[in-house]
Protein backbone atom coordinates (compact mmCIF):
# COMPACT_ATOMS: atom_id res chain seq x y z
CA UNK A 1 -26.86 16.27 12.43
CA UNK A 2 -27.52 13.32 10.52
CA UNK A 3 -27.68 16.34 14.97
CA UNK A 4 -28.30 15.81 12.04
CA UNK A 5 -27.75 15.99 16.25
CA UNK A 6 -26.58 16.55 15.44
CA UNK A 7 -24.23 16.67 18.22
CA UNK A 8 -26.27 18.15 21.10
CA UNK A 9 -27.30 14.99 22.97
CA UNK A 10 -27.59 13.51 19.45
CA UNK A 11 -24.19 13.19 18.02
CA UNK A 12 -21.88 13.98 20.77
CA UNK A 13 -18.93 11.99 19.19
CA UNK A 14 -20.24 11.34 15.72
CA UNK A 15 -17.75 10.70 13.31
CA UNK A 16 -20.64 13.24 10.50
CA UNK A 17 -20.69 8.55 -4.71
CA UNK A 18 -18.70 4.26 -14.19
CA UNK A 19 -18.48 5.27 -17.23
CA UNK A 20 -15.48 7.46 -17.72
CA UNK A 21 -12.33 7.84 -15.57
CA UNK A 22 -11.57 11.51 -15.68
CA UNK A 23 -8.05 11.00 -15.01
CA UNK A 24 -6.06 8.55 -12.99
CA UNK A 25 -2.88 7.13 -14.49
CA UNK A 26 0.82 7.16 -13.99
CA UNK A 27 3.23 4.39 -14.24
CA UNK A 28 5.10 5.32 -11.22
CA UNK A 29 2.04 5.89 -9.32
CA UNK A 30 2.94 9.75 -8.85
CA UNK A 31 0.74 12.08 -11.05
CA UNK A 32 2.09 14.58 -13.38
CA UNK A 33 1.78 17.97 -12.58
CA UNK A 34 -0.73 18.55 -15.69
CA UNK A 35 -2.95 15.62 -14.31
CA UNK A 36 -2.71 16.79 -10.75
CA UNK A 37 -3.74 20.44 -12.20
CA UNK A 38 -6.64 18.80 -14.07
CA UNK A 39 -8.20 17.04 -11.00
CA UNK A 40 -7.74 20.34 -8.83
CA UNK A 41 -9.28 22.35 -11.45
CA UNK A 42 -12.51 20.03 -11.77
CA UNK A 43 -12.51 19.78 -7.84
CA UNK A 44 -12.63 23.65 -7.58
CA UNK A 45 -15.21 23.79 -10.37
CA UNK A 46 -17.51 21.39 -8.14
CA UNK A 47 -16.71 22.83 -5.11
CA UNK A 48 -17.65 26.37 -6.44
CA UNK A 49 -20.82 24.97 -7.55
CA UNK A 50 -21.88 23.62 -4.07
CA UNK A 51 -20.97 26.99 -2.48
CA UNK A 52 -23.31 28.89 -5.02
CA UNK A 53 -26.20 26.47 -4.83
CA UNK A 54 -26.21 26.48 -1.01
CA UNK A 55 -25.73 30.29 -0.61
CA UNK A 56 -28.91 30.61 -3.14
CA UNK A 57 -30.97 29.32 -0.07
CA UNK A 58 -31.46 32.58 1.69
CA UNK A 59 -34.65 31.93 3.92
CA UNK A 60 -36.72 29.01 4.92
CA UNK A 61 -38.52 27.01 7.82
CA UNK A 62 -37.61 23.39 8.28
CA UNK A 63 -39.15 20.58 10.24
CA UNK A 64 -36.99 17.58 11.11
CA UNK A 65 -38.19 14.25 12.42
CA UNK A 66 -36.29 10.82 12.47
CA UNK A 67 -34.39 8.29 14.81
CA UNK A 68 -30.95 7.73 15.86
CA UNK A 69 -28.84 5.44 17.76
CA UNK A 70 -26.15 7.51 19.28
CA UNK A 71 -24.15 5.09 21.07
CA UNK A 72 -23.96 1.05 21.10
CA UNK A 73 -22.53 -0.04 24.52
CA UNK A 74 -22.73 -3.21 26.47
CA UNK A 75 -24.53 -1.68 29.12
CA UNK A 76 -27.38 -0.57 26.70
CA UNK A 77 -27.79 1.66 23.58
CA UNK A 78 -28.51 5.27 23.62
CA UNK A 79 -30.97 5.86 21.10
CA UNK A 80 -34.15 8.11 20.59
CA UNK A 81 -35.96 10.34 18.09
CA UNK A 82 -34.51 13.21 16.35
CA UNK A 83 -36.88 16.19 16.17
CA UNK A 84 -36.58 20.03 15.60
CA UNK A 85 -37.71 23.11 13.78
CA UNK A 86 -35.46 25.89 12.30
CA UNK A 87 -36.25 29.20 10.60
CA UNK A 88 -33.78 31.46 9.08
CA UNK A 89 -33.67 34.60 7.42
CA UNK A 90 -30.24 35.67 5.75
CA UNK A 91 -31.58 39.08 4.67
CA UNK A 92 -32.42 40.16 8.41
CA UNK A 93 -29.56 37.85 9.76
CA UNK A 94 -31.99 35.76 12.00
CA UNK A 95 -32.22 32.07 12.96
CA UNK A 96 -34.38 30.33 15.47
CA UNK A 97 -33.85 26.62 16.40
CA UNK A 98 -36.25 24.49 18.46
CA UNK A 99 -35.15 21.12 19.46
CA UNK A 100 -36.68 18.38 21.37
CA UNK A 101 -35.61 14.75 21.37
CA UNK A 102 -35.99 12.21 23.98
CA UNK A 103 -32.67 9.93 24.38
CA UNK A 104 -33.55 6.62 25.73
CA UNK A 105 -30.89 4.57 27.40
CA UNK A 106 -31.85 0.99 28.36
CA UNK A 107 -30.43 -0.39 31.52
CA UNK A 108 -30.02 -4.10 31.33
CA UNK A 109 -29.32 -4.34 34.83
CA UNK A 110 -32.87 -3.21 35.84
CA UNK A 111 -34.65 -3.96 32.62
CA UNK A 112 -35.92 -0.26 32.61
CA UNK A 113 -35.25 2.69 30.38
CA UNK A 114 -34.57 6.08 31.20
CA UNK A 115 -35.58 8.96 29.26
CA UNK A 116 -33.68 12.37 29.01
CA UNK A 117 -35.60 15.36 27.54
CA UNK A 118 -33.36 17.53 25.70
CA UNK A 119 -34.75 20.95 24.58
CA UNK A 120 -32.92 23.65 22.78
CA UNK A 121 -34.20 26.78 21.28
CA UNK A 122 -32.32 29.44 19.42
CA UNK A 123 -28.93 29.96 17.66
CA UNK A 124 -26.25 31.74 15.71
CA UNK A 125 -27.57 33.55 12.73
CA UNK A 126 -25.63 34.60 9.97
CA UNK A 127 -24.03 31.30 8.74
CA UNK A 128 -27.43 29.43 9.71
CA UNK A 129 -25.30 27.49 11.97
CA UNK A 130 -26.95 26.00 15.27
CA UNK A 131 -25.25 26.52 18.77
CA UNK A 132 -25.44 23.81 21.16
CA UNK A 133 -24.37 24.26 24.77
CA UNK A 134 -22.79 21.76 26.90
CA UNK A 135 -21.75 22.38 30.51
CA UNK A 136 -19.39 19.79 32.09
CA UNK A 137 -20.94 17.26 29.80
CA UNK A 138 -24.37 17.77 31.18
CA UNK A 139 -27.08 18.35 28.81
CA UNK A 140 -29.63 21.04 30.41
CA UNK A 141 -33.17 19.98 30.18
CA UNK A 142 -34.10 23.33 28.13
CA UNK A 143 -31.76 26.01 26.73
CA UNK A 144 -32.52 28.93 25.11
CA UNK A 145 -29.80 30.81 23.00
CA UNK A 146 -29.99 34.08 21.23
CA UNK A 147 -26.95 34.86 19.43
CA UNK A 148 -25.17 37.67 17.78
CA UNK A 149 -23.81 37.06 14.32
CA UNK A 150 -20.28 37.26 15.40
CA UNK A 151 -20.88 35.16 18.47
CA UNK A 152 -18.10 32.50 18.46
CA UNK A 153 -19.19 29.21 20.67
CA UNK A 154 -16.96 27.91 23.33
CA UNK A 155 -14.95 24.91 23.21
CA UNK A 156 -17.67 22.78 24.86
CA UNK A 157 -20.25 24.02 22.29
CA UNK A 158 -21.11 22.70 19.06
CA UNK A 159 -22.43 24.56 15.57
CA UNK A 160 -24.16 22.68 12.91
CA UNK A 161 -24.68 24.18 9.48
CA UNK A 162 -27.20 22.08 7.21
CA UNK A 163 -25.36 23.03 4.12
CA UNK A 164 -22.35 20.86 4.98
CA UNK A 165 -24.56 17.74 5.06
CA UNK A 166 -22.97 15.08 3.04
CA UNK A 167 -19.53 17.01 2.41
CA UNK A 168 -17.59 15.33 5.12
CA UNK A 169 -20.14 13.07 6.85
CA UNK A 170 -20.82 13.57 10.55
CA UNK A 171 -17.12 14.75 10.90
CA UNK A 172 -18.53 18.24 10.17
CA UNK A 173 -21.16 18.18 12.61
CA UNK A 174 -18.84 17.00 15.42
CA UNK A 175 -16.22 19.45 14.74
CA UNK A 176 -18.34 22.37 14.39
CA UNK A 177 -17.61 23.06 10.74
CA UNK A 178 -19.54 25.78 8.54
CA UNK A 179 -20.01 25.59 4.94
CA UNK A 180 -17.07 27.72 4.21
CA UNK A 181 -14.76 25.77 6.50
CA UNK A 182 -15.85 22.65 5.17
CA UNK A 183 -15.20 23.74 1.42
CA UNK A 184 -11.84 25.26 2.36
CA UNK A 185 -10.85 21.78 3.91
CA UNK A 186 -11.94 20.08 0.76
CA UNK A 187 -9.95 22.49 -1.22
CA UNK A 188 -6.95 21.35 0.79
CA UNK A 189 -7.16 17.69 0.65
CA UNK A 190 -5.54 15.97 -2.08
CA UNK A 191 -7.95 14.47 -4.91
CA UNK A 192 -6.83 11.32 -6.52
CA UNK A 193 -9.61 10.70 -8.85
CA UNK A 194 -12.65 12.24 -10.17
CA UNK A 195 -15.04 9.62 -12.00
CA UNK A 196 -17.58 10.76 -14.59
CA UNK A 197 -20.81 8.74 -14.01
CA UNK A 198 -24.14 9.23 -15.79
CA UNK A 199 -26.42 12.06 -15.79
CA UNK A 200 -23.63 14.63 -14.47
CA UNK A 201 -22.72 12.92 -11.75
CA UNK A 202 -18.88 12.86 -10.42
CA UNK A 203 -17.57 10.68 -8.14
CA UNK A 204 -14.57 12.24 -6.15
CA UNK A 205 -11.93 10.16 -4.24
CA UNK A 206 -10.23 12.14 -1.60
CA UNK A 207 -6.95 11.14 0.33
CA UNK A 208 -6.66 13.25 3.51
CA UNK A 209 -3.74 11.13 4.60
CA UNK A 210 -2.20 7.62 4.27
CA UNK A 211 -4.70 6.31 6.83
CA UNK A 212 -8.11 7.73 5.45
CA UNK A 213 -10.02 7.78 1.94
CA UNK A 214 -13.17 9.22 1.34
CA UNK A 215 -15.64 9.46 -1.73
CA UNK A 216 -18.22 11.92 -2.80
CA UNK A 217 -20.90 11.31 -5.24
CA UNK A 218 -22.05 14.85 -6.37
CA UNK A 219 -24.90 15.55 -9.05
CA UNK A 220 -23.66 18.49 -10.90
CA UNK A 221 -26.98 18.78 -12.69
CA UNK A 222 -29.10 18.99 -9.75
CA UNK A 223 -27.74 21.89 -7.54
CA UNK A 224 -24.38 20.13 -6.94
CA UNK A 225 -26.02 18.02 -4.49
CA UNK A 226 -24.11 15.37 -2.41
CA UNK A 227 -25.73 12.11 -2.88
CA UNK A 228 -23.33 9.80 -1.15
CA UNK A 229 -20.50 10.06 1.25
CA UNK A 230 -18.12 7.00 2.12
CA UNK A 231 -15.24 6.96 4.25
CA UNK A 232 -12.62 4.22 4.92
CA UNK A 233 -9.89 3.95 7.57
CA UNK A 234 -6.78 1.60 7.98
CA UNK A 235 -4.31 1.34 10.77
CA UNK A 236 -1.03 1.06 8.52
CA UNK A 237 0.01 2.46 5.15
CA UNK A 238 -0.11 -0.42 2.55
CA UNK A 239 -2.86 -2.04 4.39
CA UNK A 240 -6.16 -3.10 2.56
CA UNK A 241 -8.90 -0.44 3.08
CA UNK A 242 -11.54 -3.00 4.19
CA UNK A 243 -14.86 -2.29 4.77
CA UNK A 244 -16.31 1.29 4.84
CA UNK A 245 -16.18 2.91 8.16
CA UNK A 246 -18.73 5.72 7.50
CA UNK A 247 -21.35 5.75 5.05
CA UNK A 248 -24.06 8.41 4.21
CA UNK A 249 -26.94 8.61 1.79
CA UNK A 250 -28.89 11.68 1.09
CA UNK A 251 -31.85 12.66 -1.16
CA UNK A 252 -32.61 16.27 -2.24
CA UNK A 253 -35.48 18.29 -3.58
CA UNK A 254 -35.91 21.24 -5.59
CA UNK A 255 -37.86 24.28 -4.04
CA UNK A 256 -38.29 27.67 -5.42
CA UNK A 257 -35.44 26.77 -8.04
CA UNK A 258 -33.10 25.84 -5.08
CA UNK A 259 -31.98 22.54 -3.78
CA UNK A 260 -32.78 21.24 -0.16
CA UNK A 261 -32.03 18.02 1.90
CA UNK A 262 -35.26 15.93 2.19
CA UNK A 263 -33.68 12.82 3.57
CA UNK A 264 -30.36 12.28 5.31
CA UNK A 265 -29.01 8.84 6.42
CA UNK A 266 -25.69 8.25 8.10
CA UNK A 267 -24.18 5.07 9.60
CA UNK A 268 -20.83 4.83 11.59
CA UNK A 269 -19.91 1.15 11.56
CA UNK A 270 -17.05 1.68 13.94
CA UNK A 271 -16.49 0.31 17.47
CA UNK A 272 -19.28 2.37 18.82
CA UNK A 273 -21.63 2.17 15.77
CA UNK A 274 -23.94 4.90 15.29
CA UNK A 275 -26.82 5.41 12.94
CA UNK A 276 -29.35 8.21 11.97
CA UNK A 277 -32.17 8.67 9.55
CA UNK A 278 -34.04 11.73 9.33
CA UNK A 279 -36.61 13.71 6.92
CA UNK A 280 -36.86 17.37 6.23
CA UNK A 281 -40.10 19.23 5.50
CA UNK A 282 -39.48 22.64 4.10
CA UNK A 283 -41.54 25.80 3.51
CA UNK A 284 -41.18 29.51 3.12
CA UNK A 285 -38.11 28.70 0.90
CA UNK A 286 -36.63 32.00 -0.13
CA UNK A 287 -39.78 33.63 0.89
CA UNK A 288 -40.39 36.24 3.70
CA UNK A 289 -40.51 34.71 7.49
CA UNK A 290 -43.00 35.75 9.98
CA UNK A 291 -41.46 38.24 12.29
CA UNK A 292 -43.16 36.44 15.39
CA UNK A 293 -40.91 33.34 14.97
CA UNK A 294 -37.92 35.48 15.79
CA UNK A 295 -39.44 37.23 18.83
CA UNK A 296 -38.36 35.92 22.39
CA UNK A 297 -41.87 36.08 23.52
CA UNK A 298 -42.84 33.11 21.11
CA UNK A 299 -40.46 30.78 22.89
CA UNK A 300 -42.08 28.39 25.60
CA UNK A 301 -39.34 28.59 28.18
CA UNK A 302 -39.83 26.29 31.29
CA UNK A 303 -38.96 27.67 34.69
CA UNK A 304 -35.28 26.91 35.65
CA UNK A 305 -34.41 26.68 32.06
CA UNK A 306 -30.69 27.80 31.13
CA UNK A 307 -30.96 30.92 28.92
CA UNK A 308 -28.02 32.58 27.18
CA UNK A 309 -28.04 35.79 25.31
CA UNK A 310 -25.06 36.90 23.16
CA UNK A 311 -27.00 39.92 21.56
CA UNK A 312 -24.90 43.08 21.77
CA UNK A 313 -26.97 45.82 23.79
CA UNK A 314 -29.72 43.40 24.89
């Protein structure tokens, strides 16, 4: 996500920042209602800015390239390249998604490496989400999916919304979370602090529960872009938080008056550590997209490829 796999063969179990302390004090450790309302009000303002900034991107073509370590295991790492192209057109409710990323798994027993070619094409449309199919845990060598806007992927599938990058780390990718669902979840999570940093940046501290803490660094002067995401986990309430469990860093650039991700890097320092680094190249941002990109005839489908078509009446 950063499959950035985004999960299709890339992030199958990917677990997807001080000058003035806005408000954080109470002798008993419990915030007053006024303090709580102030935090929630500013959080809502930030989430509103994120939503409006992301929705301002109505069309574009993006090329993505990078590398990822998907799974570190005793019998060899699963690692490979991240590479795909996507074109979306919200006005006409269309999206195309091409993906090809060899996943290399080293086999210490033989000293050889096997390569699994994973190619995915097409996707769901309206929410700019990407549908990835899994069948009994197997990754088809080539897959074409042409989706209707109201199509809901099955439990063994995954959707990816690039606009969620940085909001909840890889968690948004692994759990098929769209932009609206990610923002809704953030609205429901308790915010324990908002720190005002230089140049309009805000550092939000979130506490989903006693065992998880997260921080988001949001630049409110540059499209409410999320520059950093950090997450800590602990086994028991009262334990020290220790080292960060998941960390993400993002770089954004302005194109045609909207903000878009250019570099996305995530690391998961858990038991099965994973990492991902990808770069984005954007064209046709909020400009007309050539019709040919959305025609089935433009797809290079190999013989025996799995083809799914969820378009009504087709």
